[in-house]
């Protein structure tokens, strides 16, 4: 897969994820933290925090979309940075899943993990091809 295609795939998925998190923030809050039975204030705070997270996903998606037209070597640097960001984000999701009662969606964590590996491989190939 090319750097441009990989940036497009990740940007598209992050954009859709951001929209989904923003629109479904209250439902996500109620389901993810159901074990703690949050009251109205807790749900409101969780909803606002999920909306902020959705907005950040959209911001990253826009940046990655803008990076698609860079030279492959430069795009590989952005792709590598995006993959590192995905490692951090996905790692946090798995950490919460394993150490708390919070239940992040496992299919999303698996998808993002696969994308992370493919992003690292694609960036590495682009760097090697340019060298």
C-alpha atoms as a PDB file:
ATOM      1  CA  UNK A   1       0.000   0.000   0.000  1.00  0.00           C
ATOM      2  CA  UNK A   2       1.312   3.478  -0.786  1.00  0.00           C
ATOM      3  CA  UNK A   3       1.873   6.216   1.759  1.00  0.00           C
ATOM      4  CA  UNK A   4      -0.897   8.291   0.180  1.00  0.00           C
ATOM      5  CA  UNK A   5      -3.393   5.409   0.306  1.00  0.00           C
ATOM      6  CA  UNK A   6      -2.514   4.574   3.913  1.00  0.00           C
ATOM      7  CA  UNK A   7      -2.895   8.208   4.983  1.00  0.00           C
ATOM      8  CA  UNK A   8      -6.269   8.276   3.223  1.00  0.00           C
ATOM      9  CA  UNK A   9      -7.495   5.090   4.922  1.00  0.00           C
ATOM     10  CA  UNK A  10      -6.421   6.180   8.399  1.00  0.00           C
ATOM     11  CA  UNK A  11      -7.776   9.711   7.904  1.00  0.00           C
ATOM     12  CA  UNK A  12     -11.110   8.393   6.668  1.00  0.00           C
ATOM     13  CA  UNK A  13     -11.494   5.937   9.545  1.00  0.00           C
ATOM     14  CA  UNK A  14     -10.444   8.531  12.125  1.00  0.00           C
ATOM     15  CA  UNK A  15     -12.868  11.026  10.601  1.00  0.00           C
ATOM     16  CA  UNK A  16     -15.735   8.540  10.767  1.00  0.00           C
ATOM     17  CA  UNK A  17     -14.715   7.557  14.274  1.00  0.00           C
ATOM     18  CA  UNK A  18     -14.625  11.222  15.321  1.00  0.00           C
ATOM     19  CA  UNK A  19     -18.100  11.865  13.931  1.00  0.00           C
ATOM     20  CA  UNK A  20     -19.407   8.703  15.601  1.00  0.00           C
ATOM     21  CA  UNK A  21     -17.894   9.603  18.962  1.00  0.00           C
ATOM     22  CA  UNK A  22     -19.219  13.167  18.776  1.00  0.00           C
ATOM     23  CA  UNK A  23     -22.739  12.179  17.737  1.00  0.00           C
ATOM     24  CA  UNK A  24     -22.959   9.184  20.080  1.00  0.00           C
ATOM     25  CA  UNK A  25     -21.137  10.751  23.034  1.00  0.00           C
ATOM     26  CA  UNK A  26     -23.969  10.344  25.527  1.00  0.00           C
ATOM     27  CA  UNK A  27     -24.702   6.755  24.535  1.00  0.00           C
ATOM     28  CA  UNK A  28     -21.006   5.884  24.645  1.00  0.00           C
ATOM     29  CA  UNK A  29     -20.718   7.431  28.108  1.00  0.00           C
ATOM     30  CA  UNK A  30     -23.714   5.502  29.415  1.00  0.00           C
ATOM     31  CA  UNK A  31     -22.498   2.188  27.974  1.00  0.00           C
ATOM     32  CA  UNK A  32     -18.769   2.481  28.681  1.00  0.00           C
ATOM     33  CA  UNK A  33     -19.254   3.518  32.292  1.00  0.00           C
ATOM     34  CA  UNK A  34     -22.437   1.550  33.028  1.00  0.00           C
ATOM     35  CA  UNK A  35     -20.728  -0.416  35.784  1.00  0.00           C
ATOM     36  CA  UNK A  36     -20.417   2.798  37.792  1.00  0.00           C
ATOM     37  CA  UNK A  37     -24.012   3.934  37.077  1.00  0.00           C
ATOM     38  CA  UNK A  38     -23.125   7.605  36.515  1.00  0.00           C
ATOM     39  CA  UNK A  39     -25.677  10.198  37.578  1.00  0.00           C
ATOM     40  CA  UNK A  40     -26.841  13.027  35.288  1.00  0.00           C
ATOM     41  CA  UNK A  41     -23.788  15.158  36.103  1.00  0.00           C
ATOM     42  CA  UNK A  42     -21.413  12.278  35.379  1.00  0.00           C
ATOM     43  CA  UNK A  43     -23.135  11.563  32.070  1.00  0.00           C
ATOM     44  CA  UNK A  44     -22.970  15.248  31.125  1.00  0.00           C
ATOM     45  CA  UNK A  45     -19.248  15.441  31.915  1.00  0.00           C
ATOM     46  CA  UNK A  46     -18.534  12.153  30.108  1.00  0.00           C
ATOM     47  CA  UNK A  47     -20.548  13.339  27.109  1.00  0.00           C
ATOM     48  CA  UNK A  48     -18.585  16.592  26.877  1.00  0.00           C
ATOM     49  CA  UNK A  49     -15.273  14.729  27.169  1.00  0.00           C
ATOM     50  CA  UNK A  50     -16.300  12.258  24.459  1.00  0.00           C
ATOM     51  CA  UNK A  51     -17.320  15.157  22.221  1.00  0.00           C
ATOM     52  CA  UNK A  52     -13.888  16.709  22.749  1.00  0.00           C
ATOM     53  CA  UNK A  53     -12.274  13.373  21.866  1.00  0.00           C
ATOM     54  CA  UNK A  54     -14.409  13.135  18.724  1.00  0.00           C
ATOM     55  CA  UNK A  55     -13.346  16.630  17.709  1.00  0.00           C
ATOM     56  CA  UNK A  56      -9.675  15.717  18.206  1.00  0.00           C
ATOM     57  CA  UNK A  57     -10.132  12.639  15.991  1.00  0.00           C
ATOM     58  CA  UNK A  58     -11.545  14.900  13.290  1.00  0.00           C
ATOM     59  CA  UNK A  59      -8.627  17.314  13.675  1.00  0.00           C
ATOM     60  CA  UNK A  60      -6.095  14.513  13.180  1.00  0.00           C
ATOM     61  CA  UNK A  61      -8.098  13.214  10.196  1.00  0.00           C
ATOM     62  CA  UNK A  62      -7.915  16.637   8.531  1.00  0.00           C
ATOM     63  CA  UNK A  63      -4.145  16.816   9.115  1.00  0.00           C
ATOM     64  CA  UNK A  64      -3.626  13.346   7.648  1.00  0.00           C
ATOM     65  CA  UNK A  65      -5.789  14.172   4.630  1.00  0.00           C
ATOM     66  CA  UNK A  66      -3.705  17.284   4.026  1.00  0.00           C
ATOM     67  CA  UNK A  67      -0.509  15.211   4.203  1.00  0.00           C
ATOM     68  CA  UNK A  68      -1.599  12.856   1.407  1.00  0.00           C
ATOM     69  CA  UNK A  69      -0.111  15.062  -1.300  1.00  0.00           C
ATOM     70  CA  UNK A  70       3.355  15.281   0.216  1.00  0.00           C
ATOM     71  CA  UNK A  71       6.290  13.539  -1.420  1.00  0.00           C
ATOM     72  CA  UNK A  72       6.351   9.854  -0.375  1.00  0.00           C
ATOM     73  CA  UNK A  73       9.357  10.356   1.922  1.00  0.00           C
ATOM     74  CA  UNK A  74       7.674  13.283   3.704  1.00  0.00           C
ATOM     75  CA  UNK A  75       4.350  11.453   3.809  1.00  0.00           C
ATOM     76  CA  UNK A  76       6.157   8.506   5.397  1.00  0.00           C
ATOM     77  CA  UNK A  77       7.297  10.762   8.255  1.00  0.00           C
ATOM     78  CA  UNK A  78       3.714  11.885   8.869  1.00  0.00           C
ATOM     79  CA  UNK A  79       2.480   8.298   8.553  1.00  0.00           C
ATOM     80  CA  UNK A  80       5.095   7.148  11.048  1.00  0.00           C
ATOM     81  CA  UNK A  81       3.996   9.873  13.484  1.00  0.00           C
ATOM     82  CA  UNK A  82       0.350   8.871  12.986  1.00  0.00           C
ATOM     83  CA  UNK A  83       1.253   5.246  13.709  1.00  0.00           C
ATOM     84  CA  UNK A  84       3.001   6.272  16.931  1.00  0.00           C
ATOM     85  CA  UNK A  85      -0.117   8.234  17.891  1.00  0.00           C
ATOM     86  CA  UNK A  86      -2.243   5.170  17.162  1.00  0.00           C
ATOM     87  CA  UNK A  87       0.021   3.035  19.362  1.00  0.00           C
ATOM     88  CA  UNK A  88      -0.499   5.470  22.231  1.00  0.00           C
ATOM     89  CA  UNK A  89      -4.258   5.706  21.716  1.00  0.00           C
ATOM     90  CA  UNK A  90      -4.791   1.984  21.199  1.00  0.00           C
ATOM     91  CA  UNK A  91      -2.475   1.147  24.077  1.00  0.00           C
ATOM     92  CA  UNK A  92      -4.566   3.371  26.329  1.00  0.00           C
ATOM     93  CA  UNK A  93      -7.723   1.589  25.187  1.00  0.00           C
ATOM     94  CA  UNK A  94      -6.256  -1.847  25.954  1.00  0.00           C
ATOM     95  CA  UNK A  95      -4.906  -0.550  29.268  1.00  0.00           C
ATOM     96  CA  UNK A  96      -8.404   0.565  30.286  1.00  0.00           C
ATOM     97  CA  UNK A  97      -9.898  -2.715  29.117  1.00  0.00           C
ATOM     98  CA  UNK A  98      -7.453  -4.775  31.161  1.00  0.00           C
ATOM     99  CA  UNK A  99      -7.136  -2.666  34.315  1.00  0.00           C
ATOM    100  CA  UNK A 100     -10.539  -0.996  34.835  1.00  0.00           C
ATOM    101  CA  UNK A 101     -14.204  -1.765  34.461  1.00  0.00           C
ATOM    102  CA  UNK A 102     -14.439   0.501  31.386  1.00  0.00           C
ATOM    103  CA  UNK A 103     -15.284  -1.385  28.210  1.00  0.00           C
ATOM    104  CA  UNK A 104     -13.811   0.199  25.084  1.00  0.00           C
ATOM    105  CA  UNK A 105     -15.008  -1.451  21.849  1.00  0.00           C
ATOM    106  CA  UNK A 106     -12.692  -4.389  21.118  1.00  0.00           C
ATOM    107  CA  UNK A 107     -13.345  -4.435  17.321  1.00  0.00           C
ATOM    108  CA  UNK A 108     -12.209  -0.806  17.084  1.00  0.00           C
ATOM    109  CA  UNK A 109      -9.064  -1.512  19.105  1.00  0.00           C
ATOM    110  CA  UNK A 110      -8.223  -4.487  16.889  1.00  0.00           C
ATOM    111  CA  UNK A 111      -8.845  -2.474  13.698  1.00  0.00           C
ATOM    112  CA  UNK A 112      -6.651   0.371  14.929  1.00  0.00           C
ATOM    113  CA  UNK A 113      -3.925  -2.112  15.946  1.00  0.00           C
ATOM    114  CA  UNK A 114      -3.912  -3.606  12.448  1.00  0.00           C
ATOM    115  CA  UNK A 115      -3.831  -0.131  10.893  1.00  0.00           C
ATOM    116  CA  UNK A 116      -0.889   0.759  13.123  1.00  0.00           C
ATOM    117  CA  UNK A 117       1.154  -2.215  11.926  1.00  0.00           C
ATOM    118  CA  UNK A 118       0.296  -1.539   8.272  1.00  0.00           C
ATOM    119  CA  UNK A 119       1.160   2.156   8.730  1.00  0.00           C
ATOM    120  CA  UNK A 120       4.585   1.331  10.184  1.00  0.00           C
ATOM    121  CA  UNK A 121       5.298  -1.156   7.376  1.00  0.00           C
ATOM    122  CA  UNK A 122       4.141   1.285   4.678  1.00  0.00           C
ATOM    123  CA  UNK A 123       6.216   4.142   6.129  1.00  0.00           C
ATOM    124  CA  UNK A 124       9.256   1.881   6.387  1.00  0.00           C
ATOM    125  CA  UNK A 125       8.913   0.761   2.753  1.00  0.00           C
ATOM    126  CA  UNK A 126       8.588   4.366   1.582  1.00  0.00           C
ATOM    127  CA  UNK A 127      11.724   5.355   3.497  1.00  0.00           C
ATOM    128  CA  UNK A 128      13.653   2.394   2.076  1.00  0.00           C
ATOM    129  CA  UNK A 129      12.486   3.111  -1.469  1.00  0.00           C
ATOM    130  CA  UNK A 130      13.639   6.731  -1.200  1.00  0.00           C
ATOM    131  CA  UNK A 131      17.060   5.805   0.212  1.00  0.00           C
END
